[in-house]
């Protein structure tokens, strides 16, 4: 995994929907789509451009989502396969995962 740091921004498309994004200039290089509801954040989809794959971009987006959820005292429902696989296999996310 690369030690690169990824600058992440939040872009809302509606009041409760948006993307966490990694930008280069004005170009989105990676994103994680989410919905923020009353007590949960739903992670829908993660997309990383090929040149960033394997360099920690997806993990950086997930860590940003987890920090956002913890700050807002919300749980996460990871519908995105990447997020689900990463979170369900790691005990450090147990406190933030929404019970099924």
N, C-alpha and C. Protein backbone atom coordinates (compact mmCIF):
# COMPACT_ATOMS: atom_id res chain seq x y z
N UNK A 1 0.84 -1.17 0.00
CA UNK A 1 0.00 0.00 0.00
C UNK A 1 0.88 1.23 0.00
N UNK A 2 0.50 2.22 -0.76
CA UNK A 2 1.27 3.44 -0.87
C UNK A 2 1.11 4.31 0.36
N UNK A 3 2.08 5.16 0.61
CA UNK A 3 1.99 6.08 1.73
C UNK A 3 1.44 7.43 1.28
N UNK A 4 0.95 7.50 0.05
CA UNK A 4 0.38 8.75 -0.45
C UNK A 4 -0.78 9.20 0.44
N UNK A 5 -0.90 10.52 0.56
CA UNK A 5 -2.04 11.06 1.29
C UNK A 5 -3.05 11.54 0.26
N UNK A 6 -4.30 11.24 0.52
CA UNK A 6 -5.35 11.63 -0.41
C UNK A 6 -6.22 12.70 0.25
N UNK A 7 -6.34 13.84 -0.43
CA UNK A 7 -7.19 14.92 0.06
C UNK A 7 -8.63 14.58 -0.33
N UNK A 8 -9.51 14.50 0.67
CA UNK A 8 -10.90 14.10 0.43
C UNK A 8 -11.83 15.26 0.71
N UNK A 9 -12.79 15.44 -0.17
CA UNK A 9 -13.82 16.45 0.02
C UNK A 9 -15.18 15.77 0.00
N UNK A 10 -16.17 16.48 0.50
CA UNK A 10 -17.54 15.96 0.49
C UNK A 10 -18.35 16.81 -0.48
N UNK A 11 -19.06 16.17 -1.37
CA UNK A 11 -19.89 16.86 -2.35
C UNK A 11 -21.32 16.35 -2.19
N UNK A 12 -22.24 17.22 -1.78
CA UNK A 12 -23.64 16.83 -1.63
C UNK A 12 -24.40 17.09 -2.92
N UNK A 13 -25.13 16.08 -3.38
CA UNK A 13 -25.96 16.23 -4.57
C UNK A 13 -27.40 16.55 -4.19
N UNK A 14 -27.78 16.18 -2.99
CA UNK A 14 -29.08 16.48 -2.40
C UNK A 14 -28.84 16.65 -0.91
N UNK A 15 -29.86 16.98 -0.15
CA UNK A 15 -29.69 17.20 1.29
C UNK A 15 -29.05 16.02 2.00
N UNK A 16 -29.42 14.80 1.62
CA UNK A 16 -28.93 13.63 2.36
C UNK A 16 -28.14 12.66 1.49
N UNK A 17 -27.77 13.05 0.27
CA UNK A 17 -27.02 12.18 -0.63
C UNK A 17 -25.81 12.92 -1.16
N UNK A 18 -24.75 12.15 -1.40
CA UNK A 18 -23.59 12.80 -1.96
C UNK A 18 -22.46 11.82 -2.20
N UNK A 19 -21.26 12.38 -2.28
CA UNK A 19 -20.06 11.60 -2.52
C UNK A 19 -18.93 12.16 -1.68
N UNK A 20 -18.11 11.27 -1.16
CA UNK A 20 -16.80 11.64 -0.66
C UNK A 20 -15.90 11.51 -1.90
N UNK A 21 -15.08 12.51 -2.18
CA UNK A 21 -14.32 12.52 -3.42
C UNK A 21 -12.84 12.80 -3.19
N UNK A 22 -12.02 12.18 -4.03
CA UNK A 22 -10.61 12.52 -4.14
C UNK A 22 -10.48 13.24 -5.48
N UNK A 23 -10.01 14.48 -5.41
CA UNK A 23 -9.92 15.32 -6.61
C UNK A 23 -8.47 15.55 -7.00
N UNK A 24 -8.29 15.78 -8.30
CA UNK A 24 -7.03 16.29 -8.83
C UNK A 24 -7.44 17.48 -9.69
N UNK A 25 -7.19 18.68 -9.19
CA UNK A 25 -7.75 19.86 -9.84
C UNK A 25 -9.25 19.82 -9.67
N UNK A 26 -9.97 19.88 -10.79
CA UNK A 26 -11.43 19.77 -10.75
C UNK A 26 -11.91 18.37 -11.12
N UNK A 27 -10.99 17.45 -11.37
CA UNK A 27 -11.34 16.11 -11.82
C UNK A 27 -11.46 15.15 -10.64
N UNK A 28 -12.57 14.42 -10.60
CA UNK A 28 -12.78 13.40 -9.58
C UNK A 28 -11.96 12.16 -9.96
N UNK A 29 -11.06 11.76 -9.06
CA UNK A 29 -10.21 10.60 -9.32
C UNK A 29 -10.73 9.34 -8.63
N UNK A 30 -11.51 9.54 -7.56
CA UNK A 30 -12.11 8.43 -6.84
C UNK A 30 -13.28 8.99 -6.04
N UNK A 31 -14.29 8.15 -5.82
CA UNK A 31 -15.44 8.62 -5.04
C UNK A 31 -16.12 7.46 -4.33
N UNK A 32 -16.87 7.82 -3.29
CA UNK A 32 -17.70 6.87 -2.57
C UNK A 32 -19.08 7.53 -2.43
N UNK A 33 -20.09 6.92 -3.05
CA UNK A 33 -21.45 7.46 -2.96
C UNK A 33 -22.08 7.04 -1.63
N UNK A 34 -22.81 7.99 -1.01
CA UNK A 34 -23.44 7.71 0.27
C UNK A 34 -24.79 8.41 0.38
N UNK A 35 -25.59 7.90 1.31
CA UNK A 35 -26.81 8.56 1.76
C UNK A 35 -26.70 8.70 3.27
N UNK A 36 -27.05 9.86 3.77
CA UNK A 36 -27.02 10.09 5.21
C UNK A 36 -28.47 10.21 5.68
N UNK A 37 -28.90 9.24 6.49
CA UNK A 37 -30.26 9.25 7.02
C UNK A 37 -30.22 9.64 8.49
N UNK A 38 -31.34 9.50 9.18
CA UNK A 38 -31.43 9.97 10.56
C UNK A 38 -30.35 9.39 11.47
N UNK A 39 -30.14 8.08 11.40
CA UNK A 39 -29.19 7.45 12.32
C UNK A 39 -28.13 6.61 11.62
N UNK A 40 -28.12 6.65 10.28
CA UNK A 40 -27.17 5.81 9.54
C UNK A 40 -26.60 6.55 8.33
N UNK A 41 -25.45 6.07 7.89
CA UNK A 41 -24.89 6.44 6.60
C UNK A 41 -24.85 5.16 5.78
N UNK A 42 -25.45 5.20 4.61
CA UNK A 42 -25.42 4.05 3.70
C UNK A 42 -24.32 4.31 2.68
N UNK A 43 -23.38 3.38 2.58
CA UNK A 43 -22.33 3.46 1.56
C UNK A 43 -22.77 2.63 0.37
N UNK A 44 -23.03 3.31 -0.75
CA UNK A 44 -23.61 2.65 -1.92
C UNK A 44 -22.58 2.07 -2.89
N UNK A 45 -21.54 2.86 -3.19
CA UNK A 45 -20.64 2.46 -4.27
C UNK A 45 -19.32 3.20 -4.13
N UNK A 46 -18.24 2.51 -4.42
CA UNK A 46 -16.91 3.12 -4.45
C UNK A 46 -16.32 2.91 -5.83
N UNK A 47 -15.74 3.96 -6.37
CA UNK A 47 -15.10 3.88 -7.70
C UNK A 47 -13.76 4.59 -7.61
N UNK A 48 -12.70 3.91 -8.09
CA UNK A 48 -11.36 4.48 -8.09
C UNK A 48 -10.80 4.32 -9.49
N UNK A 49 -10.25 5.42 -10.06
CA UNK A 49 -9.66 5.34 -11.40
C UNK A 49 -8.48 4.37 -11.36
N UNK A 50 -8.25 3.67 -12.48
CA UNK A 50 -7.22 2.62 -12.51
C UNK A 50 -5.86 3.03 -11.99
N UNK A 51 -5.39 4.24 -12.31
CA UNK A 51 -4.04 4.62 -11.89
C UNK A 51 -3.91 4.80 -10.37
N UNK A 52 -5.04 4.91 -9.66
CA UNK A 52 -5.01 5.05 -8.19
C UNK A 52 -5.27 3.72 -7.46
N UNK A 53 -5.68 2.70 -8.18
CA UNK A 53 -5.98 1.42 -7.54
C UNK A 53 -4.73 0.83 -6.90
N UNK A 54 -4.91 0.30 -5.69
CA UNK A 54 -3.80 -0.28 -4.97
C UNK A 54 -2.92 0.74 -4.26
N UNK A 55 -3.35 2.01 -4.27
CA UNK A 55 -2.57 3.08 -3.64
C UNK A 55 -3.28 3.68 -2.43
N UNK A 56 -4.28 2.97 -1.91
CA UNK A 56 -4.92 3.41 -0.68
C UNK A 56 -6.08 4.38 -0.84
N UNK A 57 -6.51 4.65 -2.08
CA UNK A 57 -7.59 5.62 -2.29
C UNK A 57 -8.92 5.11 -1.73
N UNK A 58 -9.27 3.87 -2.01
CA UNK A 58 -10.51 3.30 -1.50
C UNK A 58 -10.52 3.26 0.02
N UNK A 59 -9.41 2.87 0.60
CA UNK A 59 -9.28 2.81 2.07
C UNK A 59 -9.39 4.22 2.66
N UNK A 60 -8.80 5.21 2.00
CA UNK A 60 -8.88 6.59 2.48
C UNK A 60 -10.32 7.08 2.46
N UNK A 61 -11.07 6.74 1.41
CA UNK A 61 -12.48 7.12 1.34
C UNK A 61 -13.27 6.45 2.45
N UNK A 62 -13.01 5.16 2.68
CA UNK A 62 -13.72 4.44 3.73
C UNK A 62 -13.39 5.03 5.10
N UNK A 63 -12.13 5.33 5.35
CA UNK A 63 -11.74 5.93 6.63
C UNK A 63 -12.41 7.28 6.83
N UNK A 64 -12.56 8.05 5.77
CA UNK A 64 -13.24 9.34 5.85
C UNK A 64 -14.71 9.14 6.21
N UNK A 65 -15.35 8.15 5.58
CA UNK A 65 -16.76 7.85 5.87
C UNK A 65 -16.93 7.42 7.33
N UNK A 66 -16.01 6.61 7.83
CA UNK A 66 -16.07 6.14 9.22
C UNK A 66 -15.90 7.32 10.17
N UNK A 67 -14.95 8.20 9.87
CA UNK A 67 -14.75 9.39 10.71
C UNK A 67 -16.00 10.27 10.69
N UNK A 68 -16.60 10.44 9.52
CA UNK A 68 -17.84 11.23 9.40
C UNK A 68 -18.95 10.62 10.25
N UNK A 69 -19.11 9.30 10.16
CA UNK A 69 -20.15 8.61 10.93
C UNK A 69 -19.90 8.75 12.43
N UNK A 70 -18.68 8.55 12.85
CA UNK A 70 -18.37 8.65 14.28
C UNK A 70 -18.58 10.07 14.80
N UNK A 71 -18.19 11.06 14.01
CA UNK A 71 -18.37 12.45 14.39
C UNK A 71 -19.85 12.79 14.57
N UNK A 72 -20.69 12.23 13.69
CA UNK A 72 -22.12 12.51 13.72
C UNK A 72 -22.90 11.52 14.58
N UNK A 73 -22.18 10.59 15.21
CA UNK A 73 -22.80 9.55 16.04
C UNK A 73 -23.80 8.71 15.24
N UNK A 74 -23.37 8.30 14.05
CA UNK A 74 -24.20 7.49 13.15
C UNK A 74 -23.56 6.12 12.98
N UNK A 75 -24.36 5.16 12.53
CA UNK A 75 -23.88 3.83 12.16
C UNK A 75 -23.73 3.78 10.64
N UNK A 76 -23.00 2.79 10.16
CA UNK A 76 -22.80 2.62 8.72
C UNK A 76 -23.45 1.33 8.25
N UNK A 77 -24.14 1.43 7.11
CA UNK A 77 -24.67 0.27 6.40
C UNK A 77 -23.86 0.18 5.10
N UNK A 78 -22.92 -0.75 4.99
CA UNK A 78 -22.06 -0.83 3.81
C UNK A 78 -22.68 -1.72 2.71
N UNK A 79 -23.42 -1.12 1.80
CA UNK A 79 -23.96 -1.87 0.66
C UNK A 79 -22.90 -2.08 -0.40
N UNK A 80 -21.95 -1.18 -0.49
CA UNK A 80 -20.84 -1.29 -1.44
C UNK A 80 -20.03 -2.53 -1.11
N UNK A 81 -19.77 -3.40 -2.09
CA UNK A 81 -19.01 -4.63 -1.82
C UNK A 81 -17.64 -4.38 -1.19
N UNK A 82 -16.92 -3.37 -1.65
CA UNK A 82 -15.61 -3.07 -1.09
C UNK A 82 -15.73 -2.70 0.39
N UNK A 83 -16.63 -1.77 0.67
CA UNK A 83 -16.82 -1.32 2.05
C UNK A 83 -17.29 -2.45 2.95
N UNK A 84 -18.23 -3.24 2.47
CA UNK A 84 -18.76 -4.35 3.26
C UNK A 84 -17.66 -5.35 3.60
N UNK A 85 -16.90 -5.76 2.59
CA UNK A 85 -15.84 -6.75 2.81
C UNK A 85 -14.79 -6.21 3.78
N UNK A 86 -14.40 -4.98 3.61
CA UNK A 86 -13.38 -4.38 4.46
C UNK A 86 -13.86 -4.23 5.89
N UNK A 87 -15.07 -3.75 6.07
CA UNK A 87 -15.58 -3.47 7.42
C UNK A 87 -15.98 -4.73 8.17
N UNK A 88 -16.63 -5.66 7.51
CA UNK A 88 -17.11 -6.86 8.20
C UNK A 88 -15.97 -7.77 8.65
N UNK A 89 -14.82 -7.65 8.03
CA UNK A 89 -13.70 -8.51 8.39
C UNK A 89 -12.75 -7.89 9.40
N UNK A 90 -13.06 -6.68 9.90
CA UNK A 90 -12.11 -5.99 10.77
C UNK A 90 -12.81 -5.52 12.05
N UNK A 91 -12.36 -6.01 13.21
CA UNK A 91 -13.02 -5.66 14.47
C UNK A 91 -12.98 -4.17 14.81
N UNK A 92 -12.06 -3.41 14.21
CA UNK A 92 -12.01 -1.97 14.53
C UNK A 92 -13.23 -1.21 14.02
N UNK A 93 -14.04 -1.87 13.16
CA UNK A 93 -15.25 -1.23 12.66
C UNK A 93 -16.50 -1.73 13.35
N UNK A 94 -16.37 -2.65 14.30
CA UNK A 94 -17.54 -3.29 14.93
C UNK A 94 -18.47 -2.27 15.58
N UNK A 95 -17.92 -1.22 16.16
CA UNK A 95 -18.76 -0.23 16.84
C UNK A 95 -19.57 0.63 15.89
N UNK A 96 -19.17 0.69 14.64
CA UNK A 96 -19.79 1.61 13.69
C UNK A 96 -20.75 0.91 12.72
N UNK A 97 -20.66 -0.42 12.63
CA UNK A 97 -21.53 -1.16 11.72
C UNK A 97 -22.95 -1.24 12.27
N UNK A 98 -23.91 -0.98 11.41
CA UNK A 98 -25.33 -1.10 11.79
C UNK A 98 -25.68 -2.58 11.83
N UNK A 99 -26.31 -3.01 12.92
CA UNK A 99 -26.76 -4.40 13.03
C UNK A 99 -27.82 -4.67 11.96
N UNK A 100 -27.76 -5.86 11.39
CA UNK A 100 -28.73 -6.23 10.34
C UNK A 100 -30.08 -6.53 10.93
